[in-house]
């Protein structure tokens, strides 16, 4: 896992640097807009209609460029988030595999440990009856008794009580925004709907049957249906 994140600091630094540059460009454009607006207000009375239209076009163009920089910054921020989230999910998966291996080793040592065997021989007849049948799932009361090692190690009980899937299914931060048709948090590759009024905006590739980013504009299934209804 560690070699896989060696380049992460450099990638984050590059993205943050690009975001700072986009921020600066946006601020420069905002200053230009203020200057054009002040100039227009000051001399609008003496302008010909054509000059007014031309001046307003300049202001509109500056606004469009400012919005473009802002959209690029948002997209870059999403990519940065996904980059970090990808490594977090990989770490969760590695932890789950590690705990599964540890569980197998500890359960194996339970059978090999002489002290554990003597404990098993001393179980009551009631426990023996309750454990008949290979496919029977252990009850919540039986589980701690079967998993205890010699000396009643609390550490072993704690490790064994954690199932690998519990790590992968960790609760999502309630403050983290959700996206897509599945109403899940951002992860993996995502695509934004080109409808500015789309209520969802961002979608996971798998949820909308995409493997690569399509060329040109892309609209989500809901917006496609809405567009068809309007036609």
Protein backbone atom coordinates (compact mmCIF):
# COMPACT_ATOMS: atom_id res chain seq x y z
CA UNK A 1 0.00 0.00 0.00
CA UNK A 2 2.76 2.48 0.93
CA UNK A 3 4.49 2.45 -2.50
CA UNK A 4 1.10 3.13 -4.08
CA UNK A 5 0.72 6.48 -2.29
CA UNK A 6 4.28 7.74 -2.77
CA UNK A 7 3.16 9.98 -5.64
CA UNK A 8 0.03 11.20 -3.86
CA UNK A 9 1.66 14.26 -2.17
CA UNK A 10 3.09 15.45 -5.50
CA UNK A 11 -0.25 14.97 -7.27
CA UNK A 12 -2.08 16.84 -4.52
CA UNK A 13 0.46 19.67 -4.61
CA UNK A 14 0.06 19.94 -8.39
CA UNK A 15 -3.75 20.04 -8.17
CA UNK A 16 -3.70 22.61 -5.39
CA UNK A 17 -1.27 24.74 -7.40
CA UNK A 18 -3.58 24.59 -10.43
CA UNK A 19 -6.54 25.52 -8.24
CA UNK A 20 -4.59 28.52 -6.91
CA UNK A 21 -3.80 29.63 -10.47
CA UNK A 22 -7.46 29.29 -11.47
CA UNK A 23 -8.37 31.30 -8.38
CA UNK A 24 -5.98 34.06 -9.40
CA UNK A 25 -7.32 34.12 -12.96
CA UNK A 26 -10.85 34.40 -11.60
CA UNK A 27 -9.88 37.31 -9.35
CA UNK A 28 -8.19 39.05 -12.31
CA UNK A 29 -11.33 38.62 -14.40
CA UNK A 30 -13.50 39.95 -11.58
CA UNK A 31 -11.32 43.06 -11.41
CA UNK A 32 -11.62 43.44 -15.19
CA UNK A 33 -15.42 43.14 -14.94
CA UNK A 34 -15.54 45.82 -12.25
CA UNK A 35 -13.43 48.12 -14.41
CA UNK A 36 -15.58 47.55 -17.51
CA UNK A 37 -18.77 48.07 -15.52
CA UNK A 38 -17.51 51.31 -13.98
CA UNK A 39 -16.41 52.55 -17.41
CA UNK A 40 -19.80 51.68 -18.90
CA UNK A 41 -21.76 53.46 -16.15
CA UNK A 42 -19.59 56.53 -16.43
CA UNK A 43 -19.83 56.96 -20.20
CA UNK A 44 -23.09 55.20 -21.13
CA UNK A 45 -24.90 58.53 -21.74
CA UNK A 46 -22.40 59.56 -24.41
CA UNK A 47 -22.21 56.15 -26.14
CA UNK A 48 -23.85 55.25 -29.41
CA UNK A 49 -26.19 52.21 -29.33
CA UNK A 50 -23.57 50.12 -31.16
CA UNK A 51 -20.89 51.09 -28.64
CA UNK A 52 -23.17 50.14 -25.74
CA UNK A 53 -23.82 46.72 -27.24
CA UNK A 54 -20.10 46.20 -27.85
CA UNK A 55 -19.22 47.20 -24.30
CA UNK A 56 -21.88 44.93 -22.83
CA UNK A 57 -20.55 42.05 -24.94
CA UNK A 58 -17.12 42.59 -23.40
CA UNK A 59 -18.60 42.43 -19.89
CA UNK A 60 -20.59 39.30 -20.79
CA UNK A 61 -17.49 37.66 -22.26
CA UNK A 62 -15.52 38.40 -19.09
CA UNK A 63 -18.31 36.89 -16.98
CA UNK A 64 -18.32 33.75 -19.16
CA UNK A 65 -14.57 33.38 -18.78
CA UNK A 66 -14.87 33.81 -15.02
CA UNK A 67 -17.52 31.07 -14.88
CA UNK A 68 -15.32 28.80 -17.00
CA UNK A 69 -12.43 29.19 -14.55
CA UNK A 70 -14.77 28.47 -11.64
CA UNK A 71 -16.12 25.30 -13.32
CA UNK A 72 -12.57 24.11 -13.97
CA UNK A 73 -11.72 24.68 -10.32
CA UNK A 74 -14.77 22.68 -9.17
CA UNK A 75 -13.88 19.83 -11.54
CA UNK A 76 -10.30 19.85 -10.26
CA UNK A 77 -11.52 19.78 -6.67
CA UNK A 78 -13.72 16.75 -7.48
CA UNK A 79 -10.78 14.95 -9.09
CA UNK A 80 -8.64 15.67 -6.04
CA UNK A 81 -11.33 14.33 -3.71
CA UNK A 82 -11.71 11.16 -5.82
CA UNK A 83 -7.94 10.69 -5.86
CA UNK A 84 -7.76 10.67 -2.05
CA UNK A 85 -10.99 8.67 -1.71
CA UNK A 86 -9.59 5.95 -4.00
CA UNK A 87 -6.60 5.44 -1.69
CA UNK A 88 -8.84 5.43 1.39
CA UNK A 89 -11.02 2.70 -0.10
CA UNK A 90 -7.97 0.68 -1.07
CA UNK A 91 -6.69 0.96 2.50
CA UNK A 92 -10.08 -0.22 3.81
CA UNK A 93 -9.90 -3.26 1.52
CA UNK A 94 -6.33 -4.05 2.61
CA UNK A 95 -7.36 -3.77 6.27
CA UNK A 96 -10.28 -6.11 5.64
CA UNK A 97 -7.97 -8.71 4.05
CA UNK A 98 -5.48 -8.33 6.89
CA UNK A 99 -8.17 -8.89 9.52
CA UNK A 100 -9.53 -11.88 7.60
CA UNK A 101 -6.05 -13.45 7.54
CA UNK A 102 -5.58 -12.70 11.23
CA UNK A 103 -8.94 -14.26 12.02
CA UNK A 104 -8.01 -17.45 10.15
CA UNK A 105 -4.67 -17.69 11.97
CA UNK A 106 -6.23 -17.15 15.40
CA UNK A 107 -8.98 -19.68 14.73
CA UNK A 108 -6.35 -22.15 13.55
CA UNK A 109 -4.34 -21.66 16.74
CA UNK A 110 -7.53 -22.33 18.72
CA UNK A 111 -7.54 -25.92 17.47
CA UNK A 112 -3.77 -26.41 17.87
CA UNK A 113 -3.53 -24.97 21.39
CA UNK A 114 -3.59 -27.78 24.06
CA UNK A 115 -5.11 -25.43 26.60
CA UNK A 116 -7.98 -24.70 24.23
CA UNK A 117 -8.64 -28.40 23.72
CA UNK A 118 -8.84 -28.98 27.48
CA UNK A 119 -11.34 -26.14 27.71
CA UNK A 120 -13.44 -27.72 24.99
CA UNK A 121 -13.43 -31.10 26.81
CA UNK A 122 -14.75 -29.40 29.92
CA UNK A 123 -17.79 -27.91 28.22
CA UNK A 124 -21.16 -28.83 29.63
CA UNK A 125 -23.42 -31.34 27.90
CA UNK A 126 -25.80 -28.49 27.15
CA UNK A 127 -23.14 -26.72 25.08
CA UNK A 128 -22.42 -29.95 23.19
CA UNK A 129 -26.07 -30.37 22.28
CA UNK A 130 -26.30 -26.77 21.18
CA UNK A 131 -23.37 -27.14 18.79
CA UNK A 132 -24.60 -30.21 16.87
CA UNK A 133 -24.73 -29.97 13.10
CA UNK A 134 -21.92 -28.76 10.82
CA UNK A 135 -23.96 -26.08 9.11
CA UNK A 136 -25.46 -24.51 12.23
CA UNK A 137 -24.58 -20.89 12.61
CA UNK A 138 -23.14 -19.96 16.01
CA UNK A 139 -25.46 -17.90 18.18
CA UNK A 140 -24.40 -14.62 19.70
CA UNK A 141 -24.00 -16.32 23.11
CA UNK A 142 -21.86 -19.16 21.75
CA UNK A 143 -19.56 -17.01 19.66
CA UNK A 144 -17.41 -15.45 22.42
CA UNK A 145 -17.00 -18.84 24.15
CA UNK A 146 -15.76 -20.58 21.04
CA UNK A 147 -13.44 -17.75 20.06
CA UNK A 148 -11.71 -17.28 23.42
CA UNK A 149 -8.09 -18.35 23.47
CA UNK A 150 -6.02 -19.55 26.38
CA UNK A 151 -5.95 -16.90 29.06
CA UNK A 152 -9.16 -15.25 27.77
CA UNK A 153 -7.34 -12.65 25.69
CA UNK A 154 -9.55 -9.60 25.20
CA UNK A 155 -7.45 -8.57 22.20
CA UNK A 156 -8.25 -11.82 20.40
CA UNK A 157 -11.96 -11.41 21.14
CA UNK A 158 -11.89 -7.88 19.76
CA UNK A 159 -10.09 -8.82 16.54
CA UNK A 160 -12.21 -11.89 15.88
CA UNK A 161 -15.46 -10.04 16.47
CA UNK A 162 -14.71 -7.72 13.50
CA UNK A 163 -15.89 -9.12 10.19
CA UNK A 164 -13.97 -8.00 7.06
CA UNK A 165 -17.14 -6.66 5.49
CA UNK A 166 -17.58 -4.33 8.48
CA UNK A 167 -14.51 -2.40 7.32
CA UNK A 168 -15.77 -2.07 3.76
CA UNK A 169 -19.26 -1.10 4.94
CA UNK A 170 -18.16 1.59 7.37
CA UNK A 171 -20.87 4.21 7.99
CA UNK A 172 -20.74 7.23 5.71
CA UNK A 173 -20.23 10.63 7.25
CA UNK A 174 -23.74 12.15 7.38
CA UNK A 175 -22.25 15.51 6.44
CA UNK A 176 -20.69 14.13 3.25
CA UNK A 177 -22.76 15.01 0.16
CA UNK A 178 -24.35 12.23 -1.91
CA UNK A 179 -24.72 12.07 -5.67
CA UNK A 180 -25.96 9.90 -8.53
CA UNK A 181 -29.11 7.81 -8.93
CA UNK A 182 -27.86 5.53 -6.16
CA UNK A 183 -27.69 8.41 -3.63
CA UNK A 184 -24.16 7.41 -2.55
CA UNK A 185 -21.05 9.50 -1.84
CA UNK A 186 -18.52 10.34 -4.51
CA UNK A 187 -16.13 7.54 -5.48
CA UNK A 188 -14.32 6.28 -8.56
CA UNK A 189 -14.88 7.98 -11.92
CA UNK A 190 -17.85 10.32 -12.14
CA UNK A 191 -19.43 12.40 -14.89
CA UNK A 192 -21.36 15.64 -14.64
CA UNK A 193 -24.70 16.22 -16.37
CA UNK A 194 -24.55 19.14 -18.84
CA UNK A 195 -28.03 20.28 -17.86
CA UNK A 196 -27.42 23.30 -15.57
CA UNK A 197 -30.76 22.63 -13.83
CA UNK A 198 -30.04 18.94 -13.13
CA UNK A 199 -30.95 18.25 -9.46
CA UNK A 200 -28.29 15.53 -9.09
CA UNK A 201 -25.41 16.89 -11.28
CA UNK A 202 -22.84 14.10 -10.73
CA UNK A 203 -23.11 10.37 -11.54
CA UNK A 204 -20.93 7.28 -11.12
CA UNK A 205 -19.86 5.74 -14.42
CA UNK A 206 -21.23 2.29 -13.49
CA UNK A 207 -24.65 3.64 -12.48
CA UNK A 208 -25.22 5.20 -15.93
CA UNK A 209 -23.62 2.36 -17.93
CA UNK A 210 -20.46 4.25 -18.88
CA UNK A 211 -16.91 2.96 -19.06
CA UNK A 212 -15.26 6.04 -20.61
CA UNK A 213 -16.16 9.71 -20.75
CA UNK A 214 -18.31 10.37 -23.86
CA UNK A 215 -17.41 13.09 -26.33
CA UNK A 216 -19.47 16.25 -26.41
CA UNK A 217 -22.31 17.04 -24.05
CA UNK A 218 -23.78 14.31 -21.84
CA UNK A 219 -27.16 14.31 -20.12
CA UNK A 220 -28.25 11.97 -17.34
CA UNK A 221 -31.20 9.55 -17.86
CA UNK A 222 -33.61 11.80 -15.94
CA UNK A 223 -32.73 14.90 -17.94
CA UNK A 224 -32.97 12.93 -21.21
CA UNK A 225 -36.52 11.92 -20.28
CA UNK A 226 -37.41 15.51 -19.37
CA UNK A 227 -36.03 16.78 -22.68
CA UNK A 228 -38.09 14.18 -24.57
CA UNK A 229 -41.25 15.22 -22.71
CA UNK A 230 -40.69 18.89 -23.61
CA UNK A 231 -40.31 18.00 -27.28
